[in-house]
Structure formats: C-alpha cells, structure tokens
PDB file of all heavy atoms in Angstrom:
ATOM      1  N   SER A   1     -98.396 -65.316  89.875  1.00  0.00           N
ATOM      2  CA  SER A   1     -98.785 -66.276  90.903  1.00  0.00           C
ATOM      3  C   SER A   1     -99.905 -65.707  91.749  1.00  0.00           C
ATOM      4  O   SER A   1     -99.989 -64.490  91.967  1.00  0.00           O
ATOM      5  CB  SER A   1     -97.579 -66.612  91.789  1.00  0.00           C
ATOM      6  OG  SER A   1     -97.961 -67.469  92.848  1.00  0.00           O
ATOM      7  N   ASN A   2    -100.765 -66.594  92.233  1.00  0.00           N
ATOM      8  CA  ASN A   2    -101.806 -66.252  93.200  1.00  0.00           C
ATOM      9  C   ASN A   2    -101.541 -66.992  94.505  1.00  0.00           C
ATOM     10  O   ASN A   2    -101.131 -68.155  94.495  1.00  0.00           O
ATOM     11  CB  ASN A   2    -103.190 -66.634  92.684  1.00  0.00           C
ATOM     12  CG  ASN A   2    -103.630 -65.794  91.507  1.00  0.00           C
ATOM     13  OD1 ASN A   2    -103.306 -64.616  91.427  1.00  0.00           O
ATOM     14  ND2 ASN A   2    -104.352 -66.397  90.579  1.00  0.00           N
ATOM     15  N   ASN A   3    -101.762 -66.297  95.631  1.00  0.00           N
ATOM     16  CA  ASN A   3    -101.571 -66.898  96.963  1.00  0.00           C
ATOM     17  C   ASN A   3    -100.175 -67.488  97.115  1.00  0.00           C
ATOM     18  O   ASN A   3     -99.993 -68.618  97.562  1.00  0.00           O
ATOM     19  CB  ASN A   3    -102.625 -67.981  97.226  1.00  0.00           C
ATOM     20  CG  ASN A   3    -104.027 -67.427  97.263  1.00  0.00           C
ATOM     21  OD1 ASN A   3    -104.287 -66.422  97.926  1.00  0.00           O
ATOM     22  ND2 ASN A   3    -104.939 -68.045  96.526  1.00  0.00           N
ATOM     23  N   LEU A   4     -99.184 -66.694  96.745  1.00  0.00           N
ATOM     24  CA  LEU A   4     -97.814 -67.193  96.757  1.00  0.00           C
ATOM     25  C   LEU A   4     -97.265 -67.354  98.169  1.00  0.00           C
ATOM     26  O   LEU A   4     -96.631 -68.359  98.486  1.00  0.00           O
ATOM     27  CB  LEU A   4     -96.911 -66.251  95.955  1.00  0.00           C
ATOM     28  CG  LEU A   4     -95.459 -66.674  95.802  1.00  0.00           C
ATOM     29  CD1 LEU A   4     -95.353 -67.999  95.066  1.00  0.00           C
ATOM     30  CD2 LEU A   4     -94.656 -65.585  95.072  1.00  0.00           C
ATOM     31  N   LEU A   5     -97.506 -66.369  99.044  1.00  0.00           N
ATOM     32  CA  LEU A   5     -96.944 -66.398 100.387  1.00  0.00           C
ATOM     33  C   LEU A   5     -98.007 -66.027 101.412  1.00  0.00           C
ATOM     34  O   LEU A   5     -98.867 -65.181 101.154  1.00  0.00           O
ATOM     35  CB  LEU A   5     -95.772 -65.422 100.509  1.00  0.00           C
ATOM     36  CG  LEU A   5     -94.533 -65.696  99.647  1.00  0.00           C
ATOM     37  CD1 LEU A   5     -93.561 -64.533  99.768  1.00  0.00           C
ATOM     38  CD2 LEU A   5     -93.866 -67.001 100.069  1.00  0.00           C
ATOM     39  N   THR A   6     -97.931 -66.657 102.580  1.00  0.00           N
ATOM     40  CA  THR A   6     -98.808 -66.322 103.702  1.00  0.00           C
ATOM     41  C   THR A   6     -97.956 -66.164 104.949  1.00  0.00           C
ATOM     42  O   THR A   6     -97.196 -67.069 105.312  1.00  0.00           O
ATOM     43  CB  THR A   6     -99.865 -67.409 103.947  1.00  0.00           C
ATOM     44  OG1 THR A   6    -100.686 -67.552 102.788  1.00  0.00           O
ATOM     45  CG2 THR A   6    -100.742 -67.051 105.146  1.00  0.00           C
ATOM     46  N   PHE A   7     -98.077 -65.023 105.612  1.00  0.00           N
ATOM     47  CA  PHE A   7     -97.359 -64.760 106.858  1.00  0.00           C
ATOM     48  C   PHE A   7     -98.385 -64.778 107.992  1.00  0.00           C
ATOM     49  O   PHE A   7     -99.274 -63.929 108.053  1.00  0.00           O
ATOM     50  CB  PHE A   7     -96.646 -63.413 106.790  1.00  0.00           C
ATOM     51  CG  PHE A   7     -95.692 -63.282 105.635  1.00  0.00           C
ATOM     52  CD1 PHE A   7     -96.108 -62.719 104.441  1.00  0.00           C
ATOM     53  CD2 PHE A   7     -94.388 -63.742 105.739  1.00  0.00           C
ATOM     54  CE1 PHE A   7     -95.238 -62.598 103.370  1.00  0.00           C
ATOM     55  CE2 PHE A   7     -93.503 -63.626 104.676  1.00  0.00           C
ATOM     56  CZ  PHE A   7     -93.927 -63.063 103.491  1.00  0.00           C
ATOM     57  N   SER A   8     -98.265 -65.764 108.874  1.00  0.00           N
ATOM     58  CA  SER A   8     -99.256 -65.928 109.941  1.00  0.00           C
ATOM     59  C   SER A   8     -98.693 -66.858 111.015  1.00  0.00           C
ATOM     60  O   SER A   8     -97.854 -67.718 110.725  1.00  0.00           O
ATOM     61  CB  SER A   8    -100.559 -66.518 109.378  1.00  0.00           C
ATOM     62  OG  SER A   8    -101.478 -66.806 110.404  1.00  0.00           O
ATOM     63  N   LYS A   9     -99.164 -66.700 112.242  1.00  0.00           N
ATOM     64  CA  LYS A   9     -98.808 -67.601 113.339  1.00  0.00           C
ATOM     65  C   LYS A   9     -99.814 -68.731 113.500  1.00  0.00           C
ATOM     66  O   LYS A   9     -99.679 -69.558 114.399  1.00  0.00           O
ATOM     67  CB  LYS A   9     -98.703 -66.807 114.647  1.00  0.00           C
ATOM     68  CG  LYS A   9     -97.570 -65.796 114.664  1.00  0.00           C
ATOM     69  CD  LYS A   9     -97.489 -65.085 116.006  1.00  0.00           C
ATOM     70  CE  LYS A   9     -96.329 -64.082 116.018  1.00  0.00           C
ATOM     71  NZ  LYS A   9     -96.252 -63.371 117.325  1.00  0.00           N
ATOM     72  N   PHE A  10    -100.812 -68.760 112.626  1.00  0.00           N
ATOM     73  CA  PHE A  10    -101.841 -69.793 112.690  1.00  0.00           C
ATOM     74  C   PHE A  10    -101.228 -71.165 112.440  1.00  0.00           C
ATOM     75  O   PHE A  10    -100.414 -71.342 111.532  1.00  0.00           O
ATOM     76  CB  PHE A  10    -102.919 -69.492 111.654  1.00  0.00           C
ATOM     77  CG  PHE A  10    -104.042 -70.486 111.620  1.00  0.00           C
ATOM     78  CD1 PHE A  10    -104.808 -70.732 112.748  1.00  0.00           C
ATOM     79  CD2 PHE A  10    -104.333 -71.185 110.457  1.00  0.00           C
ATOM     80  CE1 PHE A  10    -105.846 -71.636 112.724  1.00  0.00           C
ATOM     81  CE2 PHE A  10    -105.367 -72.097 110.417  1.00  0.00           C
ATOM     82  CZ  PHE A  10    -106.123 -72.327 111.556  1.00  0.00           C
ATOM     83  N   LYS A  11    -101.630 -72.181 113.247  1.00  0.00           N
ATOM     84  CA  LYS A  11    -101.027 -73.508 113.172  1.00  0.00           C
ATOM     85  C   LYS A  11    -101.651 -74.395 112.096  1.00  0.00           C
ATOM     86  O   LYS A  11    -101.074 -75.417 111.734  1.00  0.00           O
ATOM     87  CB  LYS A  11    -101.135 -74.215 114.525  1.00  0.00           C
ATOM     88  CG  LYS A  11    -100.489 -73.482 115.686  1.00  0.00           C
ATOM     89  CD  LYS A  11    -100.595 -74.317 116.951  1.00  0.00           C
ATOM     90  CE  LYS A  11    -100.085 -73.561 118.159  1.00  0.00           C
ATOM     91  NZ  LYS A  11    -100.995 -72.477 118.560  1.00  0.00           N
ATOM     92  N   GLY A  12    -102.835 -74.033 111.613  1.00  0.00           N
ATOM     93  CA  GLY A  12    -103.516 -74.873 110.636  1.00  0.00           C
ATOM     94  C   GLY A  12    -103.040 -74.618 109.218  1.00  0.00           C
ATOM     95  O   GLY A  12    -101.986 -74.015 108.982  1.00  0.00           O
ATOM     96  N   PHE A  13    -103.828 -75.090 108.255  1.00  0.00           N
ATOM     97  CA  PHE A  13    -103.458 -74.961 106.855  1.00  0.00           C
ATOM     98  C   PHE A  13    -103.540 -73.526 106.355  1.00  0.00           C
ATOM     99  O   PHE A  13    -102.665 -73.048 105.648  1.00  0.00           O
ATOM    100  CB  PHE A  13    -104.363 -75.842 105.986  1.00  0.00           C
ATOM    101  CG  PHE A  13    -104.104 -77.314 106.131  1.00  0.00           C
ATOM    102  CD1 PHE A  13    -105.115 -78.234 105.864  1.00  0.00           C
ATOM    103  CD2 PHE A  13    -102.877 -77.776 106.532  1.00  0.00           C
ATOM    104  CE1 PHE A  13    -104.882 -79.594 105.991  1.00  0.00           C
ATOM    105  CE2 PHE A  13    -102.623 -79.130 106.661  1.00  0.00           C
ATOM    106  CZ  PHE A  13    -103.637 -80.035 106.391  1.00  0.00           C
ATOM    107  N   ASP A  14    -104.625 -72.839 106.704  1.00  0.00           N
ATOM    108  CA  ASP A  14    -104.877 -71.526 106.116  1.00  0.00           C
ATOM    109  C   ASP A  14    -105.683 -70.691 107.103  1.00  0.00           C
ATOM    110  O   ASP A  14    -106.741 -71.137 107.571  1.00  0.00           O
ATOM    111  CB  ASP A  14    -105.652 -71.689 104.806  1.00  0.00           C
ATOM    112  CG  ASP A  14    -105.682 -70.426 103.963  1.00  0.00           C
ATOM    113  OD1 ASP A  14    -105.617 -69.326 104.547  1.00  0.00           O
ATOM    114  OD2 ASP A  14    -105.771 -70.525 102.732  1.00  0.00           O
ATOM    115  N   PRO A  15    -105.211 -69.483 107.463  1.00  0.00           N
ATOM    116  CA  PRO A  15    -105.962 -68.647 108.401  1.00  0.00           C
ATOM    117  C   PRO A  15    -107.277 -68.127 107.840  1.00  0.00           C
ATOM    118  O   PRO A  15    -108.114 -67.627 108.599  1.00  0.00           O
ATOM    119  CB  PRO A  15    -104.996 -67.494 108.703  1.00  0.00           C
ATOM    120  CG  PRO A  15    -104.096 -67.433 107.511  1.00  0.00           C
ATOM    121  CD  PRO A  15    -103.949 -68.852 107.050  1.00  0.00           C
ATOM    122  N   GLU A  16    -107.488 -68.248 106.538  1.00  0.00           N
ATOM    123  CA  GLU A  16    -108.764 -67.841 105.949  1.00  0.00           C
ATOM    124  C   GLU A  16    -109.742 -68.997 106.026  1.00  0.00           C
ATOM    125  O   GLU A  16    -110.035 -69.656 105.024  1.00  0.00           O
ATOM    126  CB  GLU A  16    -108.566 -67.402 104.504  1.00  0.00           C
ATOM    127  CG  GLU A  16    -107.962 -66.032 104.368  1.00  0.00           C
ATOM    128  CD  GLU A  16    -108.031 -65.526 102.950  1.00  0.00           C
ATOM    129  OE1 GLU A  16    -107.280 -66.040 102.106  1.00  0.00           O
ATOM    130  OE2 GLU A  16    -108.838 -64.617 102.690  1.00  0.00           O
ATOM    131  N   VAL A  17    -110.235 -69.261 107.209  1.00  0.00           N
ATOM    132  CA  VAL A  17    -111.173 -70.358 107.397  1.00  0.00           C
ATOM    133  C   VAL A  17    -112.559 -69.912 106.968  1.00  0.00           C
ATOM    134  O   VAL A  17    -112.904 -68.731 107.036  1.00  0.00           O
ATOM    135  CB  VAL A  17    -111.186 -70.836 108.863  1.00  0.00           C
ATOM    136  CG1 VAL A  17    -109.839 -71.407 109.238  1.00  0.00           C
ATOM    137  CG2 VAL A  17    -111.543 -69.692 109.810  1.00  0.00           C
ATOM    138  N   GLY A  18    -113.362 -70.868 106.528  1.00  0.00           N
ATOM    139  CA  GLY A  18    -114.698 -70.561 106.059  1.00  0.00           C
ATOM    140  C   GLY A  18    -115.693 -70.488 107.193  1.00  0.00           C
ATOM    141  O   GLY A  18    -115.353 -70.337 108.365  1.00  0.00           O
ATOM    142  N   GLY A  19    -116.980 -70.636 106.836  1.00  0.00           N
ATOM    143  CA  GLY A  19    -118.023 -70.612 107.840  1.00  0.00           C
ATOM    144  C   GLY A  19    -119.036 -69.520 107.603  1.00  0.00           C
ATOM    145  O   GLY A  19    -118.726 -68.486 107.009  1.00  0.00           O
ATOM    146  N   ASP A  20    -120.264 -69.760 108.074  1.00  0.00           N
ATOM    147  CA  ASP A  20    -121.303 -68.746 107.962  1.00  0.00           C
ATOM    148  C   ASP A  20    -121.294 -67.880 109.215  1.00  0.00           C
ATOM    149  O   ASP A  20    -120.394 -67.962 110.049  1.00  0.00           O
ATOM    150  CB  ASP A  20    -122.663 -69.410 107.738  1.00  0.00           C
ATOM    151  CG  ASP A  20    -122.969 -70.456 108.797  1.00  0.00           C
ATOM    152  OD1 ASP A  20    -122.524 -70.285 109.958  1.00  0.00           O
ATOM    153  OD2 ASP A  20    -123.643 -71.455 108.477  1.00  0.00           O
ATOM    154  N   ASN A  21    -122.322 -67.059 109.384  1.00  0.00           N
ATOM    155  CA  ASN A  21    -122.341 -66.141 110.522  1.00  0.00           C
ATOM    156  C   ASN A  21    -122.414 -66.841 111.865  1.00  0.00           C
ATOM    157  O   ASN A  21    -122.054 -66.273 112.891  1.00  0.00           O
ATOM    158  CB  ASN A  21    -123.520 -65.172 110.384  1.00  0.00           C
ATOM    159  CG  ASN A  21    -123.282 -64.130 109.315  1.00  0.00           C
ATOM    160  OD1 ASN A  21    -122.146 -63.819 109.002  1.00  0.00           O
ATOM    161  ND2 ASN A  21    -124.352 -63.609 108.736  1.00  0.00           N
ATOM    162  N   LEU A  22    -122.901 -68.093 111.889  1.00  0.00           N
ATOM    163  CA  LEU A  22    -122.979 -68.831 113.143  1.00  0.00           C
ATOM    164  C   LEU A  22    -121.736 -69.675 113.387  1.00  0.00           C
ATOM    165  O   LEU A  22    -121.566 -70.214 114.475  1.00  0.00           O
ATOM    166  CB  LEU A  22    -124.220 -69.733 113.142  1.00  0.00           C
ATOM    167  CG  LEU A  22    -125.569 -69.017 113.084  1.00  0.00           C
ATOM    168  CD1 LEU A  22    -126.707 -70.032 113.064  1.00  0.00           C
ATOM    169  CD2 LEU A  22    -125.736 -68.077 114.273  1.00  0.00           C
ATOM    170  N   ASN A  23    -120.892 -69.803 112.379  1.00  0.00           N
ATOM    171  CA  ASN A  23    -119.679 -70.608 112.517  1.00  0.00           C
ATOM    172  C   ASN A  23    -118.447 -69.844 112.042  1.00  0.00           C
ATOM    173  O   ASN A  23    -117.470 -70.441 111.613  1.00  0.00           O
ATOM    174  CB  ASN A  23    -119.814 -71.903 111.701  1.00  0.00           C
ATOM    175  CG  ASN A  23    -120.898 -72.812 112.239  1.00  0.00           C
ATOM    176  OD1 ASN A  23    -120.713 -73.498 113.241  1.00  0.00           O
ATOM    177  ND2 ASN A  23    -122.045 -72.814 111.576  1.00  0.00           N
ATOM    178  N   ARG A  24    -118.494 -68.555 112.144  1.00  0.00           N
ATOM    179  CA  ARG A  24    -117.383 -67.731 111.671  1.00  0.00           C
ATOM    180  C   ARG A  24    -116.142 -67.956 112.536  1.00  0.00           C
ATOM    181  O   ARG A  24    -116.213 -68.034 113.756  1.00  0.00           O
ATOM    182  CB  ARG A  24    -117.786 -66.261 111.721  1.00  0.00           C
ATOM    183  CG  ARG A  24    -116.761 -65.310 111.103  1.00  0.00           C
ATOM    184  CD  ARG A  24    -117.173 -63.863 111.344  1.00  0.00           C
ATOM    185  NE  ARG A  24    -118.472 -63.581 110.755  1.00  0.00           N
ATOM    186  CZ  ARG A  24    -118.644 -63.172 109.505  1.00  0.00           C
ATOM    187  NH1 ARG A  24    -117.596 -63.020 108.716  1.00  0.00           N
ATOM    188  NH2 ARG A  24    -119.844 -62.923 109.045  1.00  0.00           N
ATOM    189  N   GLY A  25    -114.991 -68.057 111.891  1.00  0.00           N
ATOM    190  CA  GLY A  25    -113.738 -68.169 112.630  1.00  0.00           C
ATOM    191  C   GLY A  25    -113.472 -69.541 113.213  1.00  0.00           C
ATOM    192  O   GLY A  25    -112.655 -69.661 114.128  1.00  0.00           O
ATOM    193  N   ILE A  26    -114.136 -70.568 112.712  1.00  0.00           N
ATOM    194  CA  ILE A  26    -113.910 -71.936 113.208  1.00  0.00           C
ATOM    195  C   ILE A  26    -113.164 -72.724 112.142  1.00  0.00           C
ATOM    196  O   ILE A  26    -113.593 -72.812 110.995  1.00  0.00           O
ATOM    197  CB  ILE A  26    -115.238 -72.630 113.544  1.00  0.00           C
ATOM    198  CG1 ILE A  26    -115.961 -71.884 114.661  1.00  0.00           C
ATOM    199  CG2 ILE A  26    -114.988 -74.077 113.964  1.00  0.00           C
ATOM    200  CD1 ILE A  26    -117.308 -72.468 115.019  1.00  0.00           C
ATOM    201  N   ASP A  27    -112.026 -73.280 112.527  1.00  0.00           N
ATOM    202  CA  ASP A  27    -111.223 -74.066 111.596  1.00  0.00           C
ATOM    203  C   ASP A  27    -111.637 -75.526 111.675  1.00  0.00           C
ATOM    204  O   ASP A  27    -111.369 -76.205 112.664  1.00  0.00           O
ATOM    205  CB  ASP A  27    -109.734 -73.931 111.934  1.00  0.00           C
ATOM    206  CG  ASP A  27    -108.872 -74.817 111.054  1.00  0.00           C
ATOM    207  OD1 ASP A  27    -109.253 -75.028 109.883  1.00  0.00           O
ATOM    208  OD2 ASP A  27    -107.826 -75.293 111.532  1.00  0.00           O
ATOM    209  N   ASN A  28    -112.284 -76.011 110.634  1.00  0.00           N
ATOM    210  CA  ASN A  28    -112.642 -77.424 110.549  1.00  0.00           C
ATOM    211  C   ASN A  28    -111.730 -78.164 109.574  1.00  0.00           C
ATOM    212  O   ASN A  28    -112.101 -79.174 108.994  1.00  0.00           O
ATOM    213  CB  ASN A  28    -114.102 -77.572 110.127  1.00  0.00           C
ATOM    214  CG  ASN A  28    -115.054 -77.181 111.245  1.00  0.00           C
ATOM    215  OD1 ASN A  28    -114.865 -77.559 112.392  1.00  0.00           O
ATOM    216  ND2 ASN A  28    -116.069 -76.385 110.923  1.00  0.00           N
ATOM    217  N   LEU A  29    -110.505 -77.624 109.403  1.00  0.00           N
ATOM    218  CA  LEU A  29    -109.478 -78.224 108.555  1.00  0.00           C
ATOM    219  C   LEU A  29    -109.954 -78.334 107.114  1.00  0.00           C
ATOM    220  O   LEU A  29    -109.820 -79.365 106.471  1.00  0.00           O
ATOM    221  CB  LEU A  29    -109.052 -79.595 109.087  1.00  0.00           C
ATOM    222  CG  LEU A  29    -107.599 -79.983 108.838  1.00  0.00           C
ATOM    223  CD1 LEU A  29    -106.675 -79.021 109.579  1.00  0.00           C
ATOM    224  CD2 LEU A  29    -107.317 -81.402 109.290  1.00  0.00           C
ATOM    225  N   GLY A  30    -110.536 -77.234 106.629  1.00  0.00           N
ATOM    226  CA  GLY A  30    -110.946 -77.204 105.237  1.00  0.00           C
ATOM    227  C   GLY A  30    -109.751 -77.050 104.315  1.00  0.00           C
ATOM    228  O   GLY A  30    -108.613 -76.882 104.751  1.00  0.00           O
ATOM    229  N   TYR A  31    -110.026 -77.101 103.019  1.00  0.00           N
ATOM    230  CA  TYR A  31    -108.935 -76.985 102.058  1.00  0.00           C
ATOM    231  C   TYR A  31    -108.419 -75.547 102.023  1.00  0.00           C
ATOM    232  O   TYR A  31    -109.200 -74.601 102.029  1.00  0.00           O
ATOM    233  CB  TYR A  31    -109.416 -77.392 100.666  1.00  0.00           C
ATOM    234  CG  TYR A  31    -109.732 -78.856 100.544  1.00  0.00           C
ATOM    235  CD1 TYR A  31    -111.050 -79.308 100.528  1.00  0.00           C
ATOM    236  CD2 TYR A  31    -108.714 -79.794 100.466  1.00  0.00           C
ATOM    237  CE1 TYR A  31    -111.353 -80.660 100.429  1.00  0.00           C
ATOM    238  CE2 TYR A  31    -108.998 -81.149 100.364  1.00  0.00           C
ATOM    239  CZ  TYR A  31    -110.322 -81.570 100.341  1.00  0.00           C
ATOM    240  OH  TYR A  31    -110.602 -82.909 100.250  1.00  0.00           O
ATOM    241  N   PRO A  32    -107.100 -75.362 101.983  1.00  0.00           N
ATOM    242  CA  PRO A  32    -106.555 -74.006 101.878  1.00  0.00           C
ATOM    243  C   PRO A  32    -106.757 -73.445 100.480  1.00  0.00           C
ATOM    244  O   PRO A  32    -107.001 -74.193  99.525  1.00  0.00           O
ATOM    245  CB  PRO A  32    -105.067 -74.216 102.186  1.00  0.00           C
ATOM    246  CG  PRO A  32    -104.786 -75.621 101.747  1.00  0.00           C
ATOM    247  CD  PRO A  32    -106.050 -76.396 102.054  1.00  0.00           C
ATOM    248  N   ASN A  33    -106.663 -72.133 100.373  1.00  0.00           N
ATOM    249  CA  ASN A  33    -106.729 -71.512  99.055  1.00  0.00           C
ATOM    250  C   ASN A  33    -105.559 -72.003  98.208  1.00  0.00           C
ATOM    251  O   ASN A  33    -104.413 -72.028  98.676  1.00  0.00           O
ATOM    252  CB  ASN A  33    -106.668 -69.986  99.175  1.00  0.00           C
ATOM    253  CG  ASN A  33    -107.935 -69.407  99.762  1.00  0.00           C
ATOM    254  OD1 ASN A  33    -109.030 -69.821  99.419  1.00  0.00           O
ATOM    255  ND2 ASN A  33    -107.795 -68.451 100.668  1.00  0.00           N
ATOM    256  N   PRO A  34    -105.808 -72.403  96.965  1.00  0.00           N
ATOM    257  CA  PRO A  34    -104.733 -72.971  96.146  1.00  0.00           C
ATOM    258  C   PRO A  34    -103.701 -71.924  95.730  1.00  0.00           C
ATOM    259  O   PRO A  34    -104.024 -70.753  95.545  1.00  0.00           O
ATOM    260  CB  PRO A  34    -105.472 -73.524  94.925  1.00  0.00           C
ATOM    261  CG  PRO A  34    -106.702 -72.679  94.820  1.00  0.00           C
ATOM    262  CD  PRO A  34    -107.085 -72.368  96.237  1.00  0.00           C
ATOM    263  N   ARG A  35    -102.476 -72.373  95.594  1.00  0.00           N
ATOM    264  CA  ARG A  35    -101.401 -71.526  95.072  1.00  0.00           C
ATOM    265  C   ARG A  35    -101.208 -71.870  93.604  1.00  0.00           C
ATOM    266  O   ARG A  35    -101.090 -73.043  93.245  1.00  0.00           O
ATOM    267  CB  ARG A  35    -100.113 -71.775  95.835  1.00  0.00           C
ATOM    268  CG  ARG A  35     -98.902 -71.002  95.302  1.00  0.00           C
ATOM    269  CD  ARG A  35     -97.648 -71.406  96.040  1.00  0.00           C
ATOM    270  NE  ARG A  35     -97.777 -71.107  97.462  1.00  0.00           N
ATOM    271  CZ  ARG A  35     -97.042 -71.711  98.408  1.00  0.00           C
ATOM    272  NH1 ARG A  35     -96.186 -72.655  98.085  1.00  0.00           N
ATOM    273  NH2 ARG A  35     -97.201 -71.373  99.679  1.00  0.00           N
ATOM    274  N   THR A  36    -101.205 -70.865  92.753  1.00  0.00           N
ATOM    275  CA  THR A  36    -101.033 -71.098  91.323  1.00  0.00           C
ATOM    276  C   THR A  36     -99.843 -70.291  90.812  1.00  0.00           C
ATOM    277  O   THR A  36     -99.595 -69.165  91.266  1.00  0.00           O
ATOM    278  CB  THR A  36    -102.285 -70.701  90.521  1.00  0.00           C
ATOM    279  OG1 THR A  36    -102.546 -69.308  90.718  1.00  0.00           O
ATOM    280  CG2 THR A  36    -103.492 -71.509  90.979  1.00  0.00           C
ATOM    281  N   ILE A  37     -99.100 -70.872  89.882  1.00  0.00           N
ATOM    282  CA  ILE A  37     -97.989 -70.196  89.215  1.00  0.00           C
ATOM    283  C   ILE A  37     -98.173 -70.390  87.712  1.00  0.00           C
ATOM    284  O   ILE A  37     -98.319 -71.521  87.245  1.00  0.00           O
ATOM    285  CB  ILE A  37     -96.629 -70.742  89.669  1.00  0.00           C
ATOM    286  CG1 ILE A  37     -96.451 -70.535  91.180  1.00  0.00           C
ATOM    287  CG2 ILE A  37     -95.492 -70.064  88.904  1.00  0.00           C
ATOM    288  CD1 ILE A  37     -95.159 -71.097  91.730  1.00  0.00           C
TER     289      ILE A  37
END
C-alpha cells in the first residue's frame, strides 16, 4: 500500500498542500495524495 495512514491535526484533506514559492503552505482544498492497495 501507498499512503496508507496519515497522523496529523490538520483539519483539511491532506497536510501535504501544494503551491509554489509564493503560495507555499496554503490549502486551497486540492486533491489529497491517493491511497493505493
């Protein structure tokens, strides 16, 4: 499996939010990393 478990206090879908250097760390409710089994 890939991305089976995530431990975080983040309220959104995925704490690994995207963005470039000017928008780093901004959650725009993008798609989370998929979980595969």
